[in-house]
Amino acid sequence: MLFLPFIATPVFMTVYTRSLEWLRTHMLACPSRRWLHLQCPGCGSQRSLLALLSGNIAESVQLYPALIPFLLVLLYTLLHLVFRFRQGALIIKYSQFAVAIIITVSYIYKAINHQIAA
C-alpha cells in the first residue's frame, strides 16, 4: 500500500504522460510494412500497448486483440518462475497456443476485410 500514494502524485503523472508521448514519437517501424507494404501478424501491437497504457482498453483490443492475453500469459509465466505452480508449464503451453490462435484469427480477419495492405 506504500506504492499507491506515489502513483497519485502529480510528478508521477507528469513523468508517465511524458513517457507515453515519448513512446508515441519513437515507435519502431515494421520491416514488413515498410518494404513489402503488408502488415505482419504483429502489426498494431505497439499502438495497442500505448492505447492500453493510456487506459483505452476497447481501442487496445480493436488494434491488436492478442495483446491483453499475451500480457496475461507473460505475467503468469513470471509468477510461475517464482512460485513453481504445479501445472504451470502445461497452463503456459496451452495459453501460448490460445494467444497464437487469436493472432492467427485476427490476421485472417484483417486479410479477408482487406486491411493488411499498408
PDB file of N, CA and C in Angstrom:
ATOM      1  N   MET A   1       0.811  -1.196   0.000  1.00  0.00           N
ATOM      2  CA  MET A   1       0.000   0.000   0.000  1.00  0.00           C
ATOM      3  C   MET A   1       0.858   1.265   0.000  1.00  0.00           C
ATOM      4  N   LEU A   2       2.138   1.143   0.251  1.00  0.00           N
ATOM      5  CA  LEU A   2       3.001   2.311   0.250  1.00  0.00           C
ATOM      6  C   LEU A   2       3.209   2.861  -1.150  1.00  0.00           C
ATOM      7  N   PHE A   3       2.978   2.037  -2.165  1.00  0.00           N
ATOM      8  CA  PHE A   3       3.215   2.441  -3.538  1.00  0.00           C
ATOM      9  C   PHE A   3       2.069   3.292  -4.090  1.00  0.00           C
ATOM     10  N   LEU A   4       0.828   3.078  -3.611  1.00  0.00           N
ATOM     11  CA  LEU A   4      -0.327   3.775  -4.152  1.00  0.00           C
ATOM     12  C   LEU A   4      -0.280   5.292  -3.984  1.00  0.00           C
ATOM     13  N   PRO A   5       0.126   5.846  -2.844  1.00  0.00           N
ATOM     14  CA  PRO A   5       0.196   7.314  -2.765  1.00  0.00           C
ATOM     15  C   PRO A   5       1.206   7.896  -3.752  1.00  0.00           C
ATOM     16  N   PHE A   6       2.244   7.167  -4.069  1.00  0.00           N
ATOM     17  CA  PHE A   6       3.231   7.648  -5.028  1.00  0.00           C
ATOM     18  C   PHE A   6       2.629   7.771  -6.422  1.00  0.00           C
ATOM     19  N   ILE A   7       1.754   6.841  -6.798  1.00  0.00           N
ATOM     20  CA  ILE A   7       1.141   6.856  -8.123  1.00  0.00           C
ATOM     21  C   ILE A   7       0.236   8.066  -8.287  1.00  0.00           C
ATOM     22  N   ALA A   8      -0.377   8.524  -7.219  1.00  0.00           N
ATOM     23  CA  ALA A   8      -1.317   9.631  -7.310  1.00  0.00           C
ATOM     24  C   ALA A   8      -0.631  10.995  -7.330  1.00  0.00           C
ATOM     25  N   THR A   9       0.656  11.061  -7.212  1.00  0.00           N
ATOM     26  CA  THR A   9       1.339  12.348  -7.175  1.00  0.00           C
ATOM     27  C   THR A   9       1.397  12.983  -8.562  1.00  0.00           C
ATOM     28  N   PRO A  10       1.360  14.308  -8.614  1.00  0.00           N
ATOM     29  CA  PRO A  10       1.452  14.991  -9.910  1.00  0.00           C
ATOM     30  C   PRO A  10       2.774  14.731 -10.632  1.00  0.00           C
ATOM     31  N   VAL A  11       3.850  14.540  -9.879  1.00  0.00           N
ATOM     32  CA  VAL A  11       5.142  14.271 -10.504  1.00  0.00           C
ATOM     33  C   VAL A  11       5.098  12.954 -11.262  1.00  0.00           C
ATOM     34  N   PHE A  12       4.526  11.920 -10.642  1.00  0.00           N
ATOM     35  CA  PHE A  12       4.416  10.623 -11.309  1.00  0.00           C
ATOM     36  C   PHE A  12       3.567  10.733 -12.561  1.00  0.00           C
ATOM     37  N   MET A  13       2.443  11.441 -12.470  1.00  0.00           N
ATOM     38  CA  MET A  13       1.554  11.574 -13.621  1.00  0.00           C
ATOM     39  C   MET A  13       2.237  12.332 -14.758  1.00  0.00           C
ATOM     40  N   THR A  14       3.026  13.344 -14.433  1.00  0.00           N
ATOM     41  CA  THR A  14       3.748  14.091 -15.455  1.00  0.00           C
ATOM     42  C   THR A  14       4.777  13.203 -16.142  1.00  0.00           C
ATOM     43  N   VAL A  15       5.532  12.455 -15.345  1.00  0.00           N
ATOM     44  CA  VAL A  15       6.542  11.556 -15.918  1.00  0.00           C
ATOM     45  C   VAL A  15       5.864  10.482 -16.766  1.00  0.00           C
ATOM     46  N   TYR A  16       4.754   9.941 -16.286  1.00  0.00           N
ATOM     47  CA  TYR A  16       4.017   8.908 -17.017  1.00  0.00           C
ATOM     48  C   TYR A  16       3.501   9.451 -18.350  1.00  0.00           C
ATOM     49  N   THR A  17       2.915  10.632 -18.326  1.00  0.00           N
ATOM     50  CA  THR A  17       2.381  11.236 -19.542  1.00  0.00           C
ATOM     51  C   THR A  17       3.491  11.544 -20.541  1.00  0.00           C
ATOM     52  N   ARG A  18       4.595  12.074 -20.058  1.00  0.00           N
ATOM     53  CA  ARG A  18       5.717  12.359 -20.957  1.00  0.00           C
ATOM     54  C   ARG A  18       6.329  11.075 -21.513  1.00  0.00           C
ATOM     55  N   SER A  19       6.345  10.029 -20.714  1.00  0.00           N
ATOM     56  CA  SER A  19       6.860   8.743 -21.194  1.00  0.00           C
ATOM     57  C   SER A  19       5.982   8.184 -22.308  1.00  0.00           C
ATOM     58  N   LEU A  20       4.659   8.304 -22.147  1.00  0.00           N
ATOM     59  CA  LEU A  20       3.752   7.848 -23.202  1.00  0.00           C
ATOM     60  C   LEU A  20       3.945   8.659 -24.479  1.00  0.00           C
ATOM     61  N   GLU A  21       4.129   9.960 -24.353  1.00  0.00           N
ATOM     62  CA  GLU A  21       4.370  10.796 -25.528  1.00  0.00           C
ATOM     63  C   GLU A  21       5.683  10.414 -26.213  1.00  0.00           C
ATOM     64  N   TRP A  22       6.708  10.136 -25.411  1.00  0.00           N
ATOM     65  CA  TRP A  22       7.989   9.726 -25.982  1.00  0.00           C
ATOM     66  C   TRP A  22       7.822   8.408 -26.733  1.00  0.00           C
ATOM     67  N   LEU A  23       7.085   7.465 -26.141  1.00  0.00           N
ATOM     68  CA  LEU A  23       6.854   6.186 -26.814  1.00  0.00           C
ATOM     69  C   LEU A  23       6.090   6.370 -28.121  1.00  0.00           C
ATOM     70  N   ARG A  24       5.104   7.279 -28.129  1.00  0.00           N
ATOM     71  CA  ARG A  24       4.338   7.532 -29.350  1.00  0.00           C
ATOM     72  C   ARG A  24       5.217   8.075 -30.471  1.00  0.00           C
ATOM     73  N   THR A  25       6.160   8.907 -30.126  1.00  0.00           N
ATOM     74  CA  THR A  25       7.000   9.516 -31.161  1.00  0.00           C
ATOM     75  C   THR A  25       8.179   8.631 -31.557  1.00  0.00           C
ATOM     76  N   HIS A  26       8.467   7.594 -30.787  1.00  0.00           N
ATOM     77  CA  HIS A  26       9.616   6.731 -31.074  1.00  0.00           C
ATOM     78  C   HIS A  26       9.215   5.269 -31.284  1.00  0.00           C
ATOM     79  N   MET A  27       8.086   5.045 -31.933  1.00  0.00           N
ATOM     80  CA  MET A  27       7.660   3.671 -32.188  1.00  0.00           C
ATOM     81  C   MET A  27       8.544   3.044 -33.259  1.00  0.00           C
ATOM     82  N   LEU A  28       8.772   1.747 -33.131  1.00  0.00           N
ATOM     83  CA  LEU A  28       9.580   1.017 -34.109  1.00  0.00           C
ATOM     84  C   LEU A  28       8.789   0.808 -35.391  1.00  0.00           C
ATOM     85  N   ALA A  29       9.465   0.879 -36.511  1.00  0.00           N
ATOM     86  CA  ALA A  29       8.823   0.645 -37.805  1.00  0.00           C
ATOM     87  C   ALA A  29       8.865  -0.845 -38.134  1.00  0.00           C
ATOM     88  N   CYS A  30       7.776  -1.338 -38.673  1.00  0.00           N
ATOM     89  CA  CYS A  30       7.704  -2.743 -39.074  1.00  0.00           C
ATOM     90  C   CYS A  30       8.395  -2.925 -40.421  1.00  0.00           C
ATOM     91  N   PRO A  31       9.403  -3.795 -40.511  1.00  0.00           N
ATOM     92  CA  PRO A  31      10.088  -4.007 -41.798  1.00  0.00           C
ATOM     93  C   PRO A  31       9.146  -4.546 -42.872  1.00  0.00           C
ATOM     94  N   SER A  32       8.216  -5.398 -42.505  1.00  0.00           N
ATOM     95  CA  SER A  32       7.272  -5.950 -43.469  1.00  0.00           C
ATOM     96  C   SER A  32       6.397  -4.845 -44.047  1.00  0.00           C
ATOM     97  N   ARG A  33       5.963  -3.968 -43.190  1.00  0.00           N
ATOM     98  CA  ARG A  33       5.106  -2.875 -43.642  1.00  0.00           C
ATOM     99  C   ARG A  33       5.895  -1.871 -44.483  1.00  0.00           C
ATOM    100  N   ARG A  34       7.138  -1.653 -44.109  1.00  0.00           N
ATOM    101  CA  ARG A  34       7.968  -0.676 -44.815  1.00  0.00           C
ATOM    102  C   ARG A  34       8.356  -1.160 -46.208  1.00  0.00           C
ATOM    103  N   TRP A  35       8.825  -2.403 -46.337  1.00  0.00           N
ATOM    104  CA  TRP A  35       9.371  -2.870 -47.610  1.00  0.00           C
ATOM    105  C   TRP A  35       8.384  -3.661 -48.454  1.00  0.00           C
ATOM    106  N   LEU A  36       7.483  -4.405 -47.817  1.00  0.00           N
ATOM    107  CA  LEU A  36       6.514  -5.196 -48.584  1.00  0.00           C
ATOM    108  C   LEU A  36       5.153  -4.522 -48.687  1.00  0.00           C
ATOM    109  N   HIS A  37       4.943  -3.475 -47.906  1.00  0.00           N
ATOM    110  CA  HIS A  37       3.670  -2.744 -47.863  1.00  0.00           C
ATOM    111  C   HIS A  37       2.521  -3.653 -47.437  1.00  0.00           C
ATOM    112  N   LEU A  38       2.847  -4.615 -46.575  1.00  0.00           N
ATOM    113  CA  LEU A  38       1.854  -5.508 -45.983  1.00  0.00           C
ATOM    114  C   LEU A  38       2.078  -5.555 -44.480  1.00  0.00           C
ATOM    115  N   GLN A  39       0.991  -5.606 -43.740  1.00  0.00           N
ATOM    116  CA  GLN A  39       1.120  -5.733 -42.289  1.00  0.00           C
ATOM    117  C   GLN A  39       1.495  -7.159 -41.926  1.00  0.00           C
ATOM    118  N   CYS A  40       2.328  -7.283 -40.911  1.00  0.00           N
ATOM    119  CA  CYS A  40       2.668  -8.610 -40.401  1.00  0.00           C
ATOM    120  C   CYS A  40       1.646  -8.972 -39.313  1.00  0.00           C
ATOM    121  N   PRO A  41       1.644 -10.202 -38.833  1.00  0.00           N
ATOM    122  CA  PRO A  41       0.705 -10.572 -37.773  1.00  0.00           C
ATOM    123  C   PRO A  41       0.910  -9.796 -36.467  1.00  0.00           C
ATOM    124  N   GLY A  42       2.049  -9.147 -36.296  1.00  0.00           N
ATOM    125  CA  GLY A  42       2.300  -8.376 -35.081  1.00  0.00           C
ATOM    126  C   GLY A  42       2.021  -6.896 -35.208  1.00  0.00           C
ATOM    127  N   CYS A  43       1.678  -6.449 -36.425  1.00  0.00           N
ATOM    128  CA  CYS A  43       1.421  -5.019 -36.624  1.00  0.00           C
ATOM    129  C   CYS A  43       0.218  -4.570 -35.793  1.00  0.00           C
ATOM    130  N   GLY A  44       0.393  -3.466 -35.144  1.00  0.00           N
ATOM    131  CA  GLY A  44      -0.653  -2.920 -34.289  1.00  0.00           C
ATOM    132  C   GLY A  44      -0.400  -3.149 -32.815  1.00  0.00           C
ATOM    133  N   SER A  45       0.575  -3.985 -32.489  1.00  0.00           N
ATOM    134  CA  SER A  45       0.811  -4.297 -31.078  1.00  0.00           C
ATOM    135  C   SER A  45       1.370  -3.098 -30.309  1.00  0.00           C
ATOM    136  N   GLN A  46       2.224  -2.295 -30.945  1.00  0.00           N
ATOM    137  CA  GLN A  46       2.759  -1.118 -30.258  1.00  0.00           C
ATOM    138  C   GLN A  46       1.664  -0.088 -30.001  1.00  0.00           C
ATOM    139  N   ARG A  47       0.857   0.173 -31.024  1.00  0.00           N
ATOM    140  CA  ARG A  47      -0.243   1.122 -30.844  1.00  0.00           C
ATOM    141  C   ARG A  47      -1.240   0.603 -29.826  1.00  0.00           C
ATOM    142  N   SER A  48      -1.452  -0.705 -29.815  1.00  0.00           N
ATOM    143  CA  SER A  48      -2.356  -1.316 -28.845  1.00  0.00           C
ATOM    144  C   SER A  48      -1.827  -1.170 -27.423  1.00  0.00           C
ATOM    145  N   LEU A  49      -0.523  -1.359 -27.247  1.00  0.00           N
ATOM    146  CA  LEU A  49       0.075  -1.200 -25.926  1.00  0.00           C
ATOM    147  C   LEU A  49      -0.038   0.244 -25.456  1.00  0.00           C
ATOM    148  N   LEU A  50       0.190   1.195 -26.350  1.00  0.00           N
ATOM    149  CA  LEU A  50       0.051   2.604 -25.975  1.00  0.00           C
ATOM    150  C   LEU A  50      -1.390   2.936 -25.607  1.00  0.00           C
ATOM    151  N   ALA A  51      -2.339   2.388 -26.338  1.00  0.00           N
ATOM    152  CA  ALA A  51      -3.749   2.609 -26.004  1.00  0.00           C
ATOM    153  C   ALA A  51      -4.079   2.000 -24.644  1.00  0.00           C
ATOM    154  N   LEU A  52      -3.544   0.816 -24.372  1.00  0.00           N
ATOM    155  CA  LEU A  52      -3.787   0.171 -23.082  1.00  0.00           C
ATOM    156  C   LEU A  52      -3.164   0.973 -21.942  1.00  0.00           C
ATOM    157  N   LEU A  53      -1.948   1.464 -22.136  1.00  0.00           N
ATOM    158  CA  LEU A  53      -1.299   2.271 -21.112  1.00  0.00           C
ATOM    159  C   LEU A  53      -1.999   3.613 -20.917  1.00  0.00           C
ATOM    160  N   SER A  54      -2.706   4.081 -21.943  1.00  0.00           N
ATOM    161  CA  SER A  54      -3.469   5.317 -21.829  1.00  0.00           C
ATOM    162  C   SER A  54      -4.835   5.087 -21.200  1.00  0.00           C
ATOM    163  N   GLY A  55      -5.208   3.822 -21.023  1.00  0.00           N
ATOM    164  CA  GLY A  55      -6.482   3.496 -20.401  1.00  0.00           C
ATOM    165  C   GLY A  55      -7.596   3.191 -21.381  1.00  0.00           C
ATOM    166  N   ASN A  56      -7.302   3.150 -22.664  1.00  0.00           N
ATOM    167  CA  ASN A  56      -8.304   2.862 -23.693  1.00  0.00           C
ATOM    168  C   ASN A  56      -8.311   1.366 -23.998  1.00  0.00           C
ATOM    169  N   ILE A  57      -9.009   0.607 -23.174  1.00  0.00           N
ATOM    170  CA  ILE A  57      -8.999  -0.850 -23.311  1.00  0.00           C
ATOM    171  C   ILE A  57      -9.700  -1.286 -24.593  1.00  0.00           C
ATOM    172  N   ALA A  58     -10.830  -0.669 -24.913  1.00  0.00           N
ATOM    173  CA  ALA A  58     -11.565  -1.055 -26.124  1.00  0.00           C
ATOM    174  C   ALA A  58     -10.738  -0.781 -27.380  1.00  0.00           C
ATOM    175  N   GLU A  59     -10.076   0.356 -27.425  1.00  0.00           N
ATOM    176  CA  GLU A  59      -9.223   0.675 -28.568  1.00  0.00           C
ATOM    177  C   GLU A  59      -8.046  -0.292 -28.653  1.00  0.00           C
ATOM    178  N   SER A  60      -7.504  -0.663 -27.500  1.00  0.00           N
ATOM    179  CA  SER A  60      -6.390  -1.602 -27.461  1.00  0.00           C
ATOM    180  C   SER A  60      -6.797  -2.951 -28.042  1.00  0.00           C
ATOM    181  N   VAL A  61      -7.950  -3.435 -27.655  1.00  0.00           N
ATOM    182  CA  VAL A  61      -8.433  -4.727 -28.163  1.00  0.00           C
ATOM    183  C   VAL A  61      -8.733  -4.635 -29.652  1.00  0.00           C
ATOM    184  N   GLN A  62      -9.254  -3.507 -30.095  1.00  0.00           N
ATOM    185  CA  GLN A  62      -9.555  -3.331 -31.513  1.00  0.00           C
ATOM    186  C   GLN A  62      -8.277  -3.296 -32.352  1.00  0.00           C
ATOM    187  N   LEU A  63      -7.237  -2.652 -31.851  1.00  0.00           N
ATOM    188  CA  LEU A  63      -5.996  -2.553 -32.603  1.00  0.00           C
ATOM    189  C   LEU A  63      -5.251  -3.885 -32.681  1.00  0.00           C
ATOM    190  N   TYR A  64      -5.187  -4.602 -31.562  1.00  0.00           N
ATOM    191  CA  TYR A  64      -4.455  -5.874 -31.530  1.00  0.00           C
ATOM    192  C   TYR A  64      -5.092  -6.758 -30.462  1.00  0.00           C
ATOM    193  N   PRO A  65      -6.012  -7.627 -30.849  1.00  0.00           N
ATOM    194  CA  PRO A  65      -6.778  -8.414 -29.878  1.00  0.00           C
ATOM    195  C   PRO A  65      -5.941  -9.346 -28.995  1.00  0.00           C
ATOM    196  N   ALA A  66      -4.749  -9.708 -29.412  1.00  0.00           N
ATOM    197  CA  ALA A  66      -3.953 -10.674 -28.660  1.00  0.00           C
ATOM    198  C   ALA A  66      -3.079 -10.038 -27.586  1.00  0.00           C
ATOM    199  N   LEU A  67      -3.060  -8.707 -27.480  1.00  0.00           N
ATOM    200  CA  LEU A  67      -2.134  -8.068 -26.550  1.00  0.00           C
ATOM    201  C   LEU A  67      -2.454  -8.395 -25.091  1.00  0.00           C
ATOM    202  N   ILE A  68      -3.687  -8.228 -24.681  1.00  0.00           N
ATOM    203  CA  ILE A  68      -4.033  -8.461 -23.275  1.00  0.00           C
ATOM    204  C   ILE A  68      -3.844  -9.935 -22.910  1.00  0.00           C
ATOM    205  N   PRO A  69      -4.309 -10.897 -23.724  1.00  0.00           N
ATOM    206  CA  PRO A  69      -3.999 -12.294 -23.389  1.00  0.00           C
ATOM    207  C   PRO A  69      -2.502 -12.573 -23.351  1.00  0.00           C
ATOM    208  N   PHE A  70      -1.742 -11.965 -24.266  1.00  0.00           N
ATOM    209  CA  PHE A  70      -0.289 -12.141 -24.264  1.00  0.00           C
ATOM    210  C   PHE A  70       0.327 -11.616 -22.970  1.00  0.00           C
ATOM    211  N   LEU A  71      -0.108 -10.435 -22.538  1.00  0.00           N
ATOM    212  CA  LEU A  71       0.423  -9.865 -21.296  1.00  0.00           C
ATOM    213  C   LEU A  71       0.049 -10.720 -20.081  1.00  0.00           C
ATOM    214  N   LEU A  72      -1.145 -11.298 -20.100  1.00  0.00           N
ATOM    215  CA  LEU A  72      -1.558 -12.183 -19.001  1.00  0.00           C
ATOM    216  C   LEU A  72      -0.711 -13.454 -18.970  1.00  0.00           C
ATOM    217  N   VAL A  73      -0.425 -14.002 -20.154  1.00  0.00           N
ATOM    218  CA  VAL A  73       0.445 -15.191 -20.212  1.00  0.00           C
ATOM    219  C   VAL A  73       1.844 -14.837 -19.733  1.00  0.00           C
ATOM    220  N   LEU A  74       2.333 -13.673 -20.124  1.00  0.00           N
ATOM    221  CA  LEU A  74       3.643 -13.223 -19.675  1.00  0.00           C
ATOM    222  C   LEU A  74       3.685 -13.060 -18.159  1.00  0.00           C
ATOM    223  N   LEU A  75       2.646 -12.451 -17.591  1.00  0.00           N
ATOM    224  CA  LEU A  75       2.577 -12.293 -16.143  1.00  0.00           C
ATOM    225  C   LEU A  75       2.512 -13.645 -15.438  1.00  0.00           C
ATOM    226  N   TYR A  76       1.692 -14.560 -15.968  1.00  0.00           N
ATOM    227  CA  TYR A  76       1.581 -15.895 -15.372  1.00  0.00           C
ATOM    228  C   TYR A  76       2.915 -16.635 -15.461  1.00  0.00           C
ATOM    229  N   THR A  77       3.622 -16.475 -16.566  1.00  0.00           N
ATOM    230  CA  THR A  77       4.924 -17.120 -16.724  1.00  0.00           C
ATOM    231  C   THR A  77       5.916 -16.609 -15.693  1.00  0.00           C
ATOM    232  N   LEU A  78       5.937 -15.307 -15.478  1.00  0.00           N
ATOM    233  CA  LEU A  78       6.825 -14.735 -14.459  1.00  0.00           C
ATOM    234  C   LEU A  78       6.464 -15.237 -13.064  1.00  0.00           C
ATOM    235  N   LEU A  79       5.157 -15.310 -12.784  1.00  0.00           N
ATOM    236  CA  LEU A  79       4.729 -15.840 -11.483  1.00  0.00           C
ATOM    237  C   LEU A  79       5.090 -17.317 -11.345  1.00  0.00           C
ATOM    238  N   HIS A  80       4.981 -18.064 -12.431  1.00  0.00           N
ATOM    239  CA  HIS A  80       5.341 -19.480 -12.403  1.00  0.00           C
ATOM    240  C   HIS A  80       6.839 -19.662 -12.133  1.00  0.00           C
ATOM    241  N   LEU A  81       7.662 -18.785 -12.679  1.00  0.00           N
ATOM    242  CA  LEU A  81       9.099 -18.867 -12.429  1.00  0.00           C
ATOM    243  C   LEU A  81       9.439 -18.628 -10.967  1.00  0.00           C
ATOM    244  N   VAL A  82       8.636 -17.820 -10.290  1.00  0.00           N
ATOM    245  CA  VAL A  82       8.884 -17.524  -8.877  1.00  0.00           C
ATOM    246  C   VAL A  82       8.270 -18.592  -7.977  1.00  0.00           C
ATOM    247  N   PHE A  83       7.004 -18.954  -8.231  1.00  0.00           N
ATOM    248  CA  PHE A  83       6.264 -19.816  -7.306  1.00  0.00           C
ATOM    249  C   PHE A  83       6.174 -21.286  -7.723  1.00  0.00           C
ATOM    250  N   ARG A  84       6.606 -21.614  -8.928  1.00  0.00           N
ATOM    251  CA  ARG A  84       6.592 -23.012  -9.408  1.00  0.00           C
ATOM    252  C   ARG A  84       5.228 -23.679  -9.228  1.00  0.00           C
ATOM    253  N   PHE A  85       4.220 -23.168  -9.956  1.00  0.00           N
ATOM    254  CA  PHE A  85       2.882 -23.741  -9.874  1.00  0.00           C
ATOM    255  C   PHE A  85       2.901 -25.196 -10.341  1.00  0.00           C
ATOM    256  N   ARG A  86       2.024 -25.987  -9.786  1.00  0.00           N
ATOM    257  CA  ARG A  86       2.034 -27.426 -10.044  1.00  0.00           C
ATOM    258  C   ARG A  86       1.814 -27.752 -11.524  1.00  0.00           C
ATOM    259  N   GLN A  87       0.807 -27.178 -12.139  1.00  0.00           N
ATOM    260  CA  GLN A  87       0.519 -27.404 -13.555  1.00  0.00           C
ATOM    261  C   GLN A  87       0.887 -26.178 -14.392  1.00  0.00           C
ATOM    262  N   GLY A  88       1.808 -25.376 -13.908  1.00  0.00           N
ATOM    263  CA  GLY A  88       2.159 -24.110 -14.542  1.00  0.00           C
ATOM    264  C   GLY A  88       2.652 -24.243 -15.963  1.00  0.00           C
ATOM    265  N   ALA A  89       3.550 -25.183 -16.209  1.00  0.00           N
ATOM    266  CA  ALA A  89       4.108 -25.339 -17.554  1.00  0.00           C
ATOM    267  C   ALA A  89       3.035 -25.741 -18.559  1.00  0.00           C
ATOM    268  N   LEU A  90       2.132 -26.602 -18.159  1.00  0.00           N
ATOM    269  CA  LEU A  90       1.049 -27.033 -19.038  1.00  0.00           C
ATOM    270  C   LEU A  90       0.099 -25.872 -19.334  1.00  0.00           C
ATOM    271  N   ILE A  91      -0.220 -25.096 -18.307  1.00  0.00           N
ATOM    272  CA  ILE A  91      -1.103 -23.940 -18.486  1.00  0.00           C
ATOM    273  C   ILE A  91      -0.446 -22.921 -19.411  1.00  0.00           C
ATOM    274  N   ILE A  92       0.838 -22.702 -19.245  1.00  0.00           N
ATOM    275  CA  ILE A  92       1.558 -21.752 -20.098  1.00  0.00           C
ATOM    276  C   ILE A  92       1.547 -22.233 -21.546  1.00  0.00           C
ATOM    277  N   LYS A  93       1.760 -23.524 -21.747  1.00  0.00           N
ATOM    278  CA  LYS A  93       1.791 -24.071 -23.101  1.00  0.00           C
ATOM    279  C   LYS A  93       0.447 -23.869 -23.798  1.00  0.00           C
ATOM    280  N   TYR A  94      -0.654 -24.210 -23.131  1.00  0.00           N
ATOM    281  CA  TYR A  94      -1.971 -24.048 -23.732  1.00  0.00           C
ATOM    282  C   TYR A  94      -2.344 -22.578 -23.891  1.00  0.00           C
ATOM    283  N   SER A  95      -1.903 -21.740 -22.981  1.00  0.00           N
ATOM    284  CA  SER A  95      -2.181 -20.307 -23.083  1.00  0.00           C
ATOM    285  C   SER A  95      -1.447 -19.700 -24.269  1.00  0.00           C
ATOM    286  N   GLN A  96      -0.216 -20.111 -24.480  1.00  0.00           N
ATOM    287  CA  GLN A  96       0.527 -19.622 -25.639  1.00  0.00           C
ATOM    288  C   GLN A  96      -0.140 -20.072 -26.938  1.00  0.00           C
ATOM    289  N   PHE A  97      -0.638 -21.285 -26.946  1.00  0.00           N
ATOM    290  CA  PHE A  97      -1.362 -21.792 -28.109  1.00  0.00           C
ATOM    291  C   PHE A  97      -2.614 -20.959 -28.357  1.00  0.00           C
ATOM    292  N   ALA A  98      -3.326 -20.607 -27.288  1.00  0.00           N
ATOM    293  CA  ALA A  98      -4.536 -19.785 -27.419  1.00  0.00           C
ATOM    294  C   ALA A  98      -4.196 -18.398 -27.964  1.00  0.00           C
ATOM    295  N   VAL A  99      -3.103 -17.809 -27.487  1.00  0.00           N
ATOM    296  CA  VAL A  99      -2.674 -16.499 -27.994  1.00  0.00           C
ATOM    297  C   VAL A  99      -2.307 -16.596 -29.475  1.00  0.00           C
ATOM    298  N   ALA A 100      -1.635 -17.671 -29.861  1.00  0.00           N
ATOM    299  CA  ALA A 100      -1.285 -17.868 -31.274  1.00  0.00           C
ATOM    300  C   ALA A 100      -2.542 -17.987 -32.134  1.00  0.00           C
ATOM    301  N   ILE A 101      -3.563 -18.651 -31.613  1.00  0.00           N
ATOM    302  CA  ILE A 101      -4.830 -18.761 -32.353  1.00  0.00           C
ATOM    303  C   ILE A 101      -5.475 -17.389 -32.499  1.00  0.00           C
ATOM    304  N   ILE A 102      -5.465 -16.590 -31.438  1.00  0.00           N
ATOM    305  CA  ILE A 102      -6.042 -15.243 -31.509  1.00  0.00           C
ATOM    306  C   ILE A 102      -5.307 -14.406 -32.547  1.00  0.00           C
ATOM    307  N   ILE A 103      -3.984 -14.485 -32.560  1.00  0.00           N
ATOM    308  CA  ILE A 103      -3.192 -13.735 -33.542  1.00  0.00           C
ATOM    309  C   ILE A 103      -3.539 -14.189 -34.952  1.00  0.00           C
ATOM    310  N   THR A 104      -3.620 -15.496 -35.168  1.00  0.00           N
ATOM    311  CA  THR A 104      -3.910 -16.038 -36.496  1.00  0.00           C
ATOM    312  C   THR A 104      -5.305 -15.647 -36.959  1.00  0.00           C
ATOM    313  N   VAL A 105      -6.284 -15.786 -36.091  1.00  0.00           N
ATOM    314  CA  VAL A 105      -7.664 -15.455 -36.465  1.00  0.00           C
ATOM    315  C   VAL A 105      -7.800 -13.959 -36.762  1.00  0.00           C
ATOM    316  N   SER A 106      -7.179 -13.119 -35.961  1.00  0.00           N
ATOM    317  CA  SER A 106      -7.294 -11.676 -36.222  1.00  0.00           C
ATOM    318  C   SER A 106      -6.574 -11.297 -37.513  1.00  0.00           C
ATOM    319  N   TYR A 107      -5.466 -11.959 -37.829  1.00  0.00           N
ATOM    320  CA  TYR A 107      -4.758 -11.677 -39.084  1.00  0.00           C
ATOM    321  C   TYR A 107      -5.587 -12.133 -40.286  1.00  0.00           C
ATOM    322  N   ILE A 108      -6.209 -13.292 -40.178  1.00  0.00           N
ATOM    323  CA  ILE A 108      -7.082 -13.770 -41.256  1.00  0.00           C
ATOM    324  C   ILE A 108      -8.269 -12.831 -41.432  1.00  0.00           C
ATOM    325  N   TYR A 109      -8.813 -12.351 -40.323  1.00  0.00           N
ATOM    326  CA  TYR A 109      -9.923 -11.388 -40.380  1.00  0.00           C
ATOM    327  C   TYR A 109      -9.498 -10.114 -41.103  1.00  0.00           C
ATOM    328  N   LYS A 110      -8.296  -9.608 -40.793  1.00  0.00           N
ATOM    329  CA  LYS A 110      -7.782  -8.420 -41.482  1.00  0.00           C
ATOM    330  C   LYS A 110      -7.582  -8.704 -42.968  1.00  0.00           C
ATOM    331  N   ALA A 111      -7.097  -9.889 -43.308  1.00  0.00           N
ATOM    332  CA  ALA A 111      -6.862 -10.242 -44.710  1.00  0.00           C
ATOM    333  C   ALA A 111      -8.179 -10.326 -45.475  1.00  0.00           C
ATOM    334  N   ILE A 112      -9.183 -10.894 -44.862  1.00  0.00           N
ATOM    335  CA  ILE A 112     -10.497 -11.014 -45.527  1.00  0.00           C
ATOM    336  C   ILE A 112     -11.100  -9.641 -45.748  1.00  0.00           C
ATOM    337  N   ASN A 113     -10.930  -8.747 -44.802  1.00  0.00           N
ATOM    338  CA  ASN A 113     -11.509  -7.402 -44.907  1.00  0.00           C
ATOM    339  C   ASN A 113     -10.564  -6.403 -45.573  1.00  0.00           C
ATOM    340  N   HIS A 114      -9.521  -6.904 -46.223  1.00  0.00           N
ATOM    341  CA  HIS A 114      -8.577  -6.065 -46.982  1.00  0.00           C
ATOM    342  C   HIS A 114      -7.946  -4.973 -46.120  1.00  0.00           C
ATOM    343  N   GLN A 115      -7.561  -5.322 -44.895  1.00  0.00           N
ATOM    344  CA  GLN A 115      -6.965  -4.345 -44.003  1.00  0.00           C
ATOM    345  C   GLN A 115      -5.473  -4.572 -43.824  1.00  0.00           C
ATOM    346  N   ILE A 116      -4.882  -5.528 -44.524  1.00  0.00           N
ATOM    347  CA  ILE A 116      -3.457  -5.786 -44.305  1.00  0.00           C
ATOM    348  C   ILE A 116      -2.562  -5.019 -45.263  1.00  0.00           C
ATOM    349  N   ALA A 117      -3.116  -4.428 -46.295  1.00  0.00           N
ATOM    350  CA  ALA A 117      -2.305  -3.621 -47.207  1.00  0.00           C
ATOM    351  C   ALA A 117      -2.053  -2.276 -46.554  1.00  0.00           C
ATOM    352  N   ALA A 118      -0.783  -1.914 -46.474  1.00  0.00           N
ATOM    353  CA  ALA A 118      -0.433  -0.658 -45.799  1.00  0.00           C
ATOM    354  C   ALA A 118      -0.454   0.495 -46.761  1.00  0.00           C
TER     355      ALA A 118
END
